[in-house]
């Protein structure tokens, strides 16, 4: 295995692990009937806007599983050009969304964005969620860059 293919494999697996951590956290929140993210509870008014919390969080968990599959597809992107570019497009959109979430929750934790909610009540949980999110984005970015380069070479 070449150094490049090892880097592609490891970064895609890191991205997949991040997506699976997100999935597990959403299933846990669904089980507890809670909105938000681990360490970052949703404000009370959010509960009036969601009719079925369990279904909403399980839907988010399903999205997490989809992101895990997309990350794994970056190990060896599909040969068909249309599918390959679809995987890359979904990856870059996911990286942007997860990255924006990490930045937003980081700003909330630092007190820089009070409009996003109160400071986290459990700092250790919040810090762990932010670190996992940042590593997830980094791994997914490295895997997407590698897959984009390989797609251009074809």
Protein backbone atom coordinates (compact mmCIF):
# COMPACT_ATOMS: atom_id res chain seq x y z
CA UNK A 1 0.00 0.00 0.00
CA UNK A 2 1.45 3.38 -0.98
CA UNK A 3 1.76 6.28 1.44
CA UNK A 4 -0.95 8.13 -0.48
CA UNK A 5 -3.41 5.23 -0.33
CA UNK A 6 -2.68 4.73 3.38
CA UNK A 7 -3.41 8.40 4.03
CA UNK A 8 -6.62 8.10 2.00
CA UNK A 9 -7.70 5.02 3.97
CA UNK A 10 -6.91 6.48 7.40
CA UNK A 11 -8.53 9.85 6.70
CA UNK A 12 -11.69 8.23 5.31
CA UNK A 13 -11.90 5.93 8.36
CA UNK A 14 -11.46 8.93 10.69
CA UNK A 15 -14.29 10.69 8.83
CA UNK A 16 -16.44 7.57 9.08
CA UNK A 17 -15.74 7.32 12.82
CA UNK A 18 -16.76 10.96 13.28
CA UNK A 19 -20.02 10.33 11.44
CA UNK A 20 -20.68 7.23 13.54
CA UNK A 21 -19.98 9.17 16.76
CA UNK A 22 -22.55 11.73 15.60
CA UNK A 23 -25.00 8.91 14.82
CA UNK A 24 -24.60 7.32 18.26
CA UNK A 25 -25.00 10.71 19.98
CA UNK A 26 -28.24 11.36 18.10
CA UNK A 27 -29.64 7.93 18.98
CA UNK A 28 -28.74 8.60 22.63
CA UNK A 29 -30.46 12.00 22.53
CA UNK A 30 -33.51 10.42 20.84
CA UNK A 31 -33.69 7.81 23.59
CA UNK A 32 -33.59 10.57 26.21
CA UNK A 33 -36.07 12.78 24.34
CA UNK A 34 -33.59 15.66 24.09
CA UNK A 35 -32.72 18.13 21.36
CA UNK A 36 -29.31 19.66 20.73
CA UNK A 37 -25.86 18.13 20.70
CA UNK A 38 -23.91 16.42 23.48
CA UNK A 39 -22.83 19.19 25.85
CA UNK A 40 -24.97 21.74 24.04
CA UNK A 41 -28.62 21.38 25.06
CA UNK A 42 -31.19 23.11 22.89
CA UNK A 43 -32.98 26.13 24.36
CA UNK A 44 -36.40 25.41 25.90
CA UNK A 45 -38.27 27.17 23.07
CA UNK A 46 -36.82 24.65 20.59
CA UNK A 47 -38.96 21.96 22.19
CA UNK A 48 -42.14 23.79 21.17
CA UNK A 49 -41.02 23.80 17.53
CA UNK A 50 -40.45 20.04 17.17
CA UNK A 51 -43.52 17.82 17.23
CA UNK A 52 -41.71 14.50 17.70
CA UNK A 53 -38.24 14.77 19.23
CA UNK A 54 -37.46 11.07 18.92
CA UNK A 55 -38.27 10.99 15.21
CA UNK A 56 -36.30 14.19 14.59
CA UNK A 57 -33.21 12.86 16.34
CA UNK A 58 -33.47 9.45 14.69
CA UNK A 59 -33.69 11.25 11.35
CA UNK A 60 -30.46 13.04 12.25
CA UNK A 61 -28.94 9.67 13.18
CA UNK A 62 -29.91 8.36 9.74
CA UNK A 63 -28.14 11.32 8.17
CA UNK A 64 -25.09 10.42 10.25
CA UNK A 65 -25.13 6.89 8.82
CA UNK A 66 -25.36 8.31 5.31
CA UNK A 67 -22.34 10.53 6.01
CA UNK A 68 -20.42 7.48 7.27
CA UNK A 69 -21.15 5.61 4.03
CA UNK A 70 -20.11 8.62 1.93
CA UNK A 71 -16.85 8.86 3.90
CA UNK A 72 -16.15 5.18 3.22
CA UNK A 73 -16.80 5.71 -0.49
CA UNK A 74 -13.83 8.10 -0.49
CA UNK A 75 -11.47 5.17 0.14
CA UNK A 76 -12.06 4.02 -3.41
CA UNK A 77 -14.42 6.44 -5.19
CA UNK A 78 -16.86 4.90 -7.68
CA UNK A 79 -15.47 4.40 -11.19
CA UNK A 80 -18.51 5.91 -12.90
CA UNK A 81 -17.84 9.61 -13.38
CA UNK A 82 -21.33 10.76 -12.31
CA UNK A 83 -21.29 8.74 -9.10
CA UNK A 84 -17.73 9.79 -8.30
CA UNK A 85 -18.55 13.49 -8.63
CA UNK A 86 -21.78 12.99 -6.64
CA UNK A 87 -19.79 11.44 -3.77
CA UNK A 88 -17.31 14.33 -3.91
CA UNK A 89 -20.09 16.94 -4.04
CA UNK A 90 -21.89 15.41 -1.07
CA UNK A 91 -18.58 15.19 0.79
CA UNK A 92 -17.69 18.85 0.26
CA UNK A 93 -21.23 19.94 1.23
CA UNK A 94 -21.02 17.78 4.37
CA UNK A 95 -17.60 19.16 5.26
CA UNK A 96 -18.95 22.71 4.95
CA UNK A 97 -22.01 21.96 7.10
CA UNK A 98 -20.18 20.04 9.82
CA UNK A 99 -17.39 22.63 9.81
CA UNK A 100 -19.92 25.44 10.22
CA UNK A 101 -21.49 23.53 13.10
CA UNK A 102 -18.16 23.10 14.86
CA UNK A 103 -17.39 26.81 14.43
CA UNK A 104 -20.85 27.80 15.66
CA UNK A 105 -20.79 25.53 18.69
CA UNK A 106 -17.22 26.65 19.43
CA UNK A 107 -18.34 30.28 19.33
CA UNK A 108 -21.26 29.42 21.60
CA UNK A 109 -18.95 27.66 24.07
CA UNK A 110 -16.58 30.63 24.10
CA UNK A 111 -19.44 33.06 24.71
CA UNK A 112 -18.82 34.78 21.37
CA UNK A 113 -22.26 33.96 19.97
CA UNK A 114 -24.88 34.34 22.72
CA UNK A 115 -27.61 34.22 20.08
CA UNK A 116 -26.77 30.55 19.53
CA UNK A 117 -27.58 29.63 23.12
CA UNK A 118 -26.16 29.62 26.59
CA UNK A 119 -22.65 28.46 27.41
CA UNK A 120 -22.52 24.68 27.79
CA UNK A 121 -23.41 23.42 31.26
CA UNK A 122 -21.02 20.45 30.97
CA UNK A 123 -17.71 21.72 29.64
CA UNK A 124 -16.03 18.31 29.39
CA UNK A 125 -18.84 16.94 27.21
CA UNK A 126 -18.90 20.10 25.10
CA UNK A 127 -15.13 20.05 24.62
CA UNK A 128 -15.22 16.38 23.62
CA UNK A 129 -17.98 17.10 21.08
CA UNK A 130 -15.98 19.99 19.61
CA UNK A 131 -12.78 17.93 19.36
CA UNK A 132 -14.60 15.02 17.73
CA UNK A 133 -16.26 17.42 15.30
CA UNK A 134 -12.97 19.11 14.40
CA UNK A 135 -11.20 15.77 13.86
CA UNK A 136 -14.16 14.56 11.79
CA UNK A 137 -13.96 17.63 9.53
CA UNK A 138 -10.18 17.32 9.21
CA UNK A 139 -10.33 13.63 8.30
CA UNK A 140 -13.17 14.13 5.85
CA UNK A 141 -11.34 17.08 4.25
CA UNK A 142 -8.12 15.11 3.75
CA UNK A 143 -10.08 12.17 2.29
CA UNK A 144 -12.07 14.46 -0.02
CA UNK A 145 -8.93 16.25 -1.24
CA UNK A 146 -7.31 12.89 -2.02
CA UNK A 147 -10.40 11.63 -3.82
CA UNK A 148 -10.74 14.89 -5.76
CA UNK A 149 -7.13 14.66 -6.92
CA UNK A 150 -7.57 11.04 -7.93
CA UNK A 151 -10.78 11.91 -9.82
CA UNK A 152 -8.97 14.61 -11.78
CA UNK A 153 -6.24 12.14 -12.76
CA UNK A 154 -8.77 9.77 -14.34
